[in-house]
Amino acid sequence: MDKKANVTGNVEGILRGLGDLVEKLGNLAEKGEQIKRSGVFDIDTRSGKEAKAVYGFSMKMGLNDNEEPRVEPFGNVRRNEQTGETTVQEVSEPLVDVIEESDHVLVLAEMPGVADEDVRLELNGDVLTLHAERGSKKYHKEIVLPRPFASAAMTQSCHNGILEVKLTV
């Protein structure tokens, strides 16, 4: 086996392990805690191109006993549910928080390298779709909101790579 084939095999093993880790984290949280981990590493793809793999997860526990822990992955490492294969995608999922207040819902998304003019939002009832692109930085995420909102109820701003979307009730 040549060195390049060995490196490709090792990268596939790492990606498969990351996919397993994110899948199993839901069983590890203690009530009321939030865990956040991330990392970035360069890999060689099978086509010979270099790619930057970004992976991470945020685990959130609700304050109520009846709320299940939620593991929210972010980054560009994805696992195909049918084949089990883990790959590095060109588009990343940003880390997103949805905060419910009495008179509005606030959505925060971390998208380093992106400015306000790079962001496109689509609101369809209770689903907010986020698209952002600047140079090699590309982000996409569908966010399920706690209730439906009208487009007129939405305002947005993006500063230093942090997008804030406010949806008024």
C-alpha atoms as a PDB file:
ATOM      1  CA  MET A   1       0.000   0.000   0.000  1.00  0.00           C
ATOM      2  CA  ASP A   2       1.425   3.393  -0.932  1.00  0.00           C
ATOM      3  CA  LYS A   3       1.639   6.295   1.517  1.00  0.00           C
ATOM      4  CA  LYS A   4      -1.181   8.327  -0.108  1.00  0.00           C
ATOM      5  CA  ALA A   5      -3.624   5.386   0.056  1.00  0.00           C
ATOM      6  CA  ASN A   6      -2.727   4.905   3.718  1.00  0.00           C
ATOM      7  CA  VAL A   7      -3.366   8.611   4.488  1.00  0.00           C
ATOM      8  CA  THR A   8      -6.736   8.466   2.700  1.00  0.00           C
ATOM      9  CA  GLY A   9      -7.699   5.382   4.724  1.00  0.00           C
ATOM     10  CA  ASN A  10      -6.711   7.105   7.969  1.00  0.00           C
ATOM     11  CA  VAL A  11      -8.754  10.218   7.099  1.00  0.00           C
ATOM     12  CA  GLU A  12     -11.808   8.073   6.345  1.00  0.00           C
ATOM     13  CA  GLY A  13     -11.404   6.399   9.728  1.00  0.00           C
ATOM     14  CA  ILE A  14     -11.170   9.762  11.493  1.00  0.00           C
ATOM     15  CA  LEU A  15     -14.272  11.077   9.722  1.00  0.00           C
ATOM     16  CA  ARG A  16     -16.210   7.888  10.494  1.00  0.00           C
ATOM     17  CA  GLY A  17     -15.192   8.221  14.152  1.00  0.00           C
ATOM     18  CA  LEU A  18     -16.348  11.860  14.262  1.00  0.00           C
ATOM     19  CA  GLY A  19     -19.700  10.858  12.835  1.00  0.00           C
ATOM     20  CA  ASP A  20     -20.055   8.159  15.522  1.00  0.00           C
ATOM     21  CA  LEU A  21     -19.050  10.613  18.256  1.00  0.00           C
ATOM     22  CA  VAL A  22     -21.656  13.218  17.326  1.00  0.00           C
ATOM     23  CA  GLU A  23     -24.313  10.498  17.094  1.00  0.00           C
ATOM     24  CA  LYS A  24     -23.569   9.086  20.559  1.00  0.00           C
ATOM     25  CA  LEU A  25     -23.133  12.337  22.512  1.00  0.00           C
ATOM     26  CA  GLY A  26     -26.824  12.568  23.344  1.00  0.00           C
ATOM     27  CA  ASN A  27     -26.310   9.877  26.000  1.00  0.00           C
ATOM     28  CA  LEU A  28     -23.503  11.698  27.841  1.00  0.00           C
ATOM     29  CA  ALA A  29     -24.941  14.994  29.104  1.00  0.00           C
ATOM     30  CA  GLU A  30     -25.903  15.708  32.673  1.00  0.00           C
ATOM     31  CA  LYS A  31     -29.079  17.683  33.350  1.00  0.00           C
ATOM     32  CA  GLY A  32     -28.727  21.470  32.998  1.00  0.00           C
ATOM     33  CA  GLU A  33     -25.263  21.452  31.407  1.00  0.00           C
ATOM     34  CA  GLN A  34     -24.149  22.698  28.020  1.00  0.00           C
ATOM     35  CA  ILE A  35     -21.149  21.164  26.295  1.00  0.00           C
ATOM     36  CA  LYS A  36     -19.531  22.690  23.231  1.00  0.00           C
ATOM     37  CA  ARG A  37     -16.587  21.226  21.310  1.00  0.00           C
ATOM     38  CA  SER A  38     -15.134  21.947  17.899  1.00  0.00           C
ATOM     39  CA  GLY A  39     -12.029  21.501  15.797  1.00  0.00           C
ATOM     40  CA  VAL A  40     -10.507  22.182  12.407  1.00  0.00           C
ATOM     41  CA  PHE A  41      -8.060  20.051  10.455  1.00  0.00           C
ATOM     42  CA  ASP A  42      -6.749  19.838   6.888  1.00  0.00           C
ATOM     43  CA  ILE A  43      -7.207  16.612   4.916  1.00  0.00           C
ATOM     44  CA  ASP A  44      -6.289  15.251   1.515  1.00  0.00           C
ATOM     45  CA  THR A  45      -9.357  14.160  -0.454  1.00  0.00           C
ATOM     46  CA  ARG A  46      -9.376  11.224  -2.862  1.00  0.00           C
ATOM     47  CA  SER A  47      -9.270  13.660  -5.774  1.00  0.00           C
ATOM     48  CA  GLY A  48      -5.948  15.057  -4.546  1.00  0.00           C
ATOM     49  CA  LYS A  49      -7.453  18.401  -3.475  1.00  0.00           C
ATOM     50  CA  GLU A  50      -6.899  19.640   0.055  1.00  0.00           C
ATOM     51  CA  ALA A  51      -9.975  20.378   2.129  1.00  0.00           C
ATOM     52  CA  LYS A  52     -10.528  21.915   5.538  1.00  0.00           C
ATOM     53  CA  ALA A  53     -12.706  19.760   7.780  1.00  0.00           C
ATOM     54  CA  VAL A  54     -14.611  21.692  10.447  1.00  0.00           C
ATOM     55  CA  TYR A  55     -16.557  19.705  13.008  1.00  0.00           C
ATOM     56  CA  GLY A  56     -18.269  20.422  16.230  1.00  0.00           C
ATOM     57  CA  PHE A  57     -21.332  19.992  18.332  1.00  0.00           C
ATOM     58  CA  SER A  58     -23.250  21.840  20.968  1.00  0.00           C
ATOM     59  CA  MET A  59     -25.254  19.853  23.486  1.00  0.00           C
ATOM     60  CA  LYS A  60     -28.079  21.602  25.278  1.00  0.00           C
ATOM     61  CA  MET A  61     -30.225  20.461  28.144  1.00  0.00           C
ATOM     62  CA  GLY A  62     -33.556  22.074  28.941  1.00  0.00           C
ATOM     63  CA  LEU A  63     -34.442  23.349  32.360  1.00  0.00           C
ATOM     64  CA  ASN A  64     -37.648  21.289  32.465  1.00  0.00           C
ATOM     65  CA  ASP A  65     -37.595  17.591  33.354  1.00  0.00           C
ATOM     66  CA  ASN A  66     -39.594  16.682  30.247  1.00  0.00           C
ATOM     67  CA  GLU A  67     -37.093  18.213  27.770  1.00  0.00           C
ATOM     68  CA  GLU A  68     -34.705  15.822  26.085  1.00  0.00           C
ATOM     69  CA  PRO A  69     -31.047  16.768  25.550  1.00  0.00           C
ATOM     70  CA  ARG A  70     -30.343  18.148  22.072  1.00  0.00           C
ATOM     71  CA  VAL A  71     -27.094  17.626  20.192  1.00  0.00           C
ATOM     72  CA  GLU A  72     -26.686  20.208  17.438  1.00  0.00           C
ATOM     73  CA  PRO A  73     -23.815  19.445  15.055  1.00  0.00           C
ATOM     74  CA  PHE A  74     -22.127  22.172  13.049  1.00  0.00           C
ATOM     75  CA  GLY A  75     -19.372  22.302  10.482  1.00  0.00           C
ATOM     76  CA  ASN A  76     -18.891  20.558   7.154  1.00  0.00           C
ATOM     77  CA  VAL A  77     -18.382  16.916   8.195  1.00  0.00           C
ATOM     78  CA  ARG A  78     -21.524  14.910   7.340  1.00  0.00           C
ATOM     79  CA  ARG A  79     -22.544  11.279   7.514  1.00  0.00           C
ATOM     80  CA  ASN A  80     -24.774   9.769   4.827  1.00  0.00           C
ATOM     81  CA  GLU A  81     -27.504   7.940   6.763  1.00  0.00           C
ATOM     82  CA  GLN A  82     -28.037   5.350   3.997  1.00  0.00           C
ATOM     83  CA  THR A  83     -24.392   4.423   3.290  1.00  0.00           C
ATOM     84  CA  GLY A  84     -22.768   5.326   6.611  1.00  0.00           C
ATOM     85  CA  GLU A  85     -20.014   7.153   4.693  1.00  0.00           C
ATOM     86  CA  THR A  86     -18.702  10.359   6.254  1.00  0.00           C
ATOM     87  CA  THR A  87     -17.555  13.156   3.932  1.00  0.00           C
ATOM     88  CA  VAL A  88     -16.330  16.736   4.033  1.00  0.00           C
ATOM     89  CA  GLN A  89     -18.809  19.095   2.340  1.00  0.00           C
ATOM     90  CA  GLU A  90     -18.122  22.458   0.689  1.00  0.00           C
ATOM     91  CA  VAL A  91     -20.908  24.124   2.695  1.00  0.00           C
ATOM     92  CA  SER A  92     -20.802  24.310   6.514  1.00  0.00           C
ATOM     93  CA  GLU A  93     -23.643  24.293   9.021  1.00  0.00           C
ATOM     94  CA  PRO A  94     -23.203  27.176  11.454  1.00  0.00           C
ATOM     95  CA  LEU A  95     -23.620  26.805  15.194  1.00  0.00           C
ATOM     96  CA  VAL A  96     -27.106  28.187  15.943  1.00  0.00           C
ATOM     97  CA  ASP A  97     -28.946  29.119  19.144  1.00  0.00           C
ATOM     98  CA  VAL A  98     -32.692  29.821  19.269  1.00  0.00           C
ATOM     99  CA  ILE A  99     -33.702  31.872  22.314  1.00  0.00           C
ATOM    100  CA  GLU A 100     -37.381  32.354  23.200  1.00  0.00           C
ATOM    101  CA  GLU A 101     -38.296  35.585  24.987  1.00  0.00           C
ATOM    102  CA  SER A 102     -41.770  36.779  25.980  1.00  0.00           C
ATOM    103  CA  ASP A 103     -42.156  39.176  23.009  1.00  0.00           C
ATOM    104  CA  HIS A 104     -39.736  37.724  20.421  1.00  0.00           C
ATOM    105  CA  VAL A 105     -37.553  34.826  19.347  1.00  0.00           C
ATOM    106  CA  LEU A 106     -33.857  35.505  18.801  1.00  0.00           C
ATOM    107  CA  VAL A 107     -31.798  33.314  16.468  1.00  0.00           C
ATOM    108  CA  LEU A 108     -28.006  33.589  16.748  1.00  0.00           C
ATOM    109  CA  ALA A 109     -25.711  31.967  14.174  1.00  0.00           C
ATOM    110  CA  GLU A 110     -21.901  31.889  14.223  1.00  0.00           C
ATOM    111  CA  MET A 111     -20.523  32.339  10.703  1.00  0.00           C
ATOM    112  CA  PRO A 112     -16.920  33.575  10.785  1.00  0.00           C
ATOM    113  CA  GLY A 113     -15.895  35.633   7.759  1.00  0.00           C
ATOM    114  CA  VAL A 114     -19.444  36.633   6.776  1.00  0.00           C
ATOM    115  CA  ALA A 115     -20.963  40.136   6.739  1.00  0.00           C
ATOM    116  CA  ASP A 116     -24.605  41.284   6.702  1.00  0.00           C
ATOM    117  CA  GLU A 117     -24.699  41.691   2.899  1.00  0.00           C
ATOM    118  CA  ASP A 118     -23.599  38.035   2.456  1.00  0.00           C
ATOM    119  CA  VAL A 119     -26.651  36.615   4.275  1.00  0.00           C
ATOM    120  CA  ARG A 120     -29.946  35.495   2.678  1.00  0.00           C
ATOM    121  CA  LEU A 121     -32.841  34.396   4.859  1.00  0.00           C
ATOM    122  CA  GLU A 122     -36.043  32.625   3.820  1.00  0.00           C
ATOM    123  CA  LEU A 123     -38.922  32.279   6.269  1.00  0.00           C
ATOM    124  CA  ASN A 124     -41.650  29.752   5.590  1.00  0.00           C
ATOM    125  CA  GLY A 125     -43.967  29.439   8.595  1.00  0.00           C
ATOM    126  CA  ASP A 126     -41.887  27.916  11.380  1.00  0.00           C
ATOM    127  CA  VAL A 127     -38.794  27.129   9.248  1.00  0.00           C
ATOM    128  CA  LEU A 128     -36.042  29.708   8.808  1.00  0.00           C
ATOM    129  CA  THR A 129     -33.544  28.852   6.064  1.00  0.00           C
ATOM    130  CA  LEU A 130     -30.165  30.534   6.278  1.00  0.00           C
ATOM    131  CA  HIS A 131     -27.750  30.936   3.344  1.00  0.00           C
ATOM    132  CA  ALA A 132     -24.494  32.889   3.532  1.00  0.00           C
ATOM    133  CA  GLU A 133     -21.465  33.050   1.258  1.00  0.00           C
ATOM    134  CA  ARG A 134     -18.316  35.144   1.089  1.00  0.00           C
ATOM    135  CA  GLY A 135     -15.320  33.842  -0.828  1.00  0.00           C
ATOM    136  CA  SER A 136     -14.621  30.282   0.299  1.00  0.00           C
ATOM    137  CA  LYS A 137     -16.897  30.637   3.350  1.00  0.00           C
ATOM    138  CA  LYS A 138     -20.280  29.025   2.628  1.00  0.00           C
ATOM    139  CA  TYR A 139     -23.001  28.304   5.180  1.00  0.00           C
ATOM    140  CA  HIS A 140     -26.478  26.754   5.035  1.00  0.00           C
ATOM    141  CA  LYS A 141     -28.906  25.686   7.746  1.00  0.00           C
ATOM    142  CA  GLU A 142     -32.623  25.069   8.149  1.00  0.00           C
ATOM    143  CA  ILE A 143     -33.781  26.135  11.605  1.00  0.00           C
ATOM    144  CA  VAL A 144     -37.091  24.991  13.083  1.00  0.00           C
ATOM    145  CA  LEU A 145     -38.623  27.825  15.088  1.00  0.00           C
ATOM    146  CA  PRO A 146     -40.907  27.325  18.113  1.00  0.00           C
ATOM    147  CA  ARG A 147     -43.899  28.693  16.131  1.00  0.00           C
ATOM    148  CA  PRO A 148     -44.714  30.181  12.711  1.00  0.00           C
ATOM    149  CA  PHE A 149     -43.812  33.811  11.976  1.00  0.00           C
ATOM    150  CA  ALA A 150     -44.618  36.259   9.177  1.00  0.00           C
ATOM    151  CA  SER A 151     -41.701  37.613   7.127  1.00  0.00           C
ATOM    152  CA  ALA A 152     -42.635  41.165   8.176  1.00  0.00           C
ATOM    153  CA  ALA A 153     -41.897  40.195  11.805  1.00  0.00           C
ATOM    154  CA  MET A 154     -38.228  39.468  11.014  1.00  0.00           C
ATOM    155  CA  THR A 155     -35.186  41.748  11.326  1.00  0.00           C
ATOM    156  CA  GLN A 156     -31.550  40.770  10.888  1.00  0.00           C
ATOM    157  CA  SER A 157     -28.052  42.082  11.525  1.00  0.00           C
ATOM    158  CA  CYS A 158     -24.631  40.499  11.202  1.00  0.00           C
ATOM    159  CA  HIS A 159     -21.551  41.842  13.004  1.00  0.00           C
ATOM    160  CA  ASN A 160     -18.155  40.138  13.283  1.00  0.00           C
ATOM    161  CA  GLY A 161     -19.543  36.871  11.911  1.00  0.00           C
ATOM    162  CA  ILE A 162     -22.459  36.678  14.366  1.00  0.00           C
ATOM    163  CA  LEU A 163     -25.893  36.805  12.736  1.00  0.00           C
ATOM    164  CA  GLU A 164     -28.812  37.970  14.887  1.00  0.00           C
ATOM    165  CA  VAL A 165     -32.332  37.375  13.594  1.00  0.00           C
ATOM    166  CA  LYS A 166     -35.175  38.797  15.695  1.00  0.00           C
ATOM    167  CA  LEU A 167     -38.698  37.506  15.112  1.00  0.00           C
ATOM    168  CA  THR A 168     -41.381  39.475  16.939  1.00  0.00           C
ATOM    169  CA  VAL A 169     -44.575  37.859  18.143  1.00  0.00           C
END
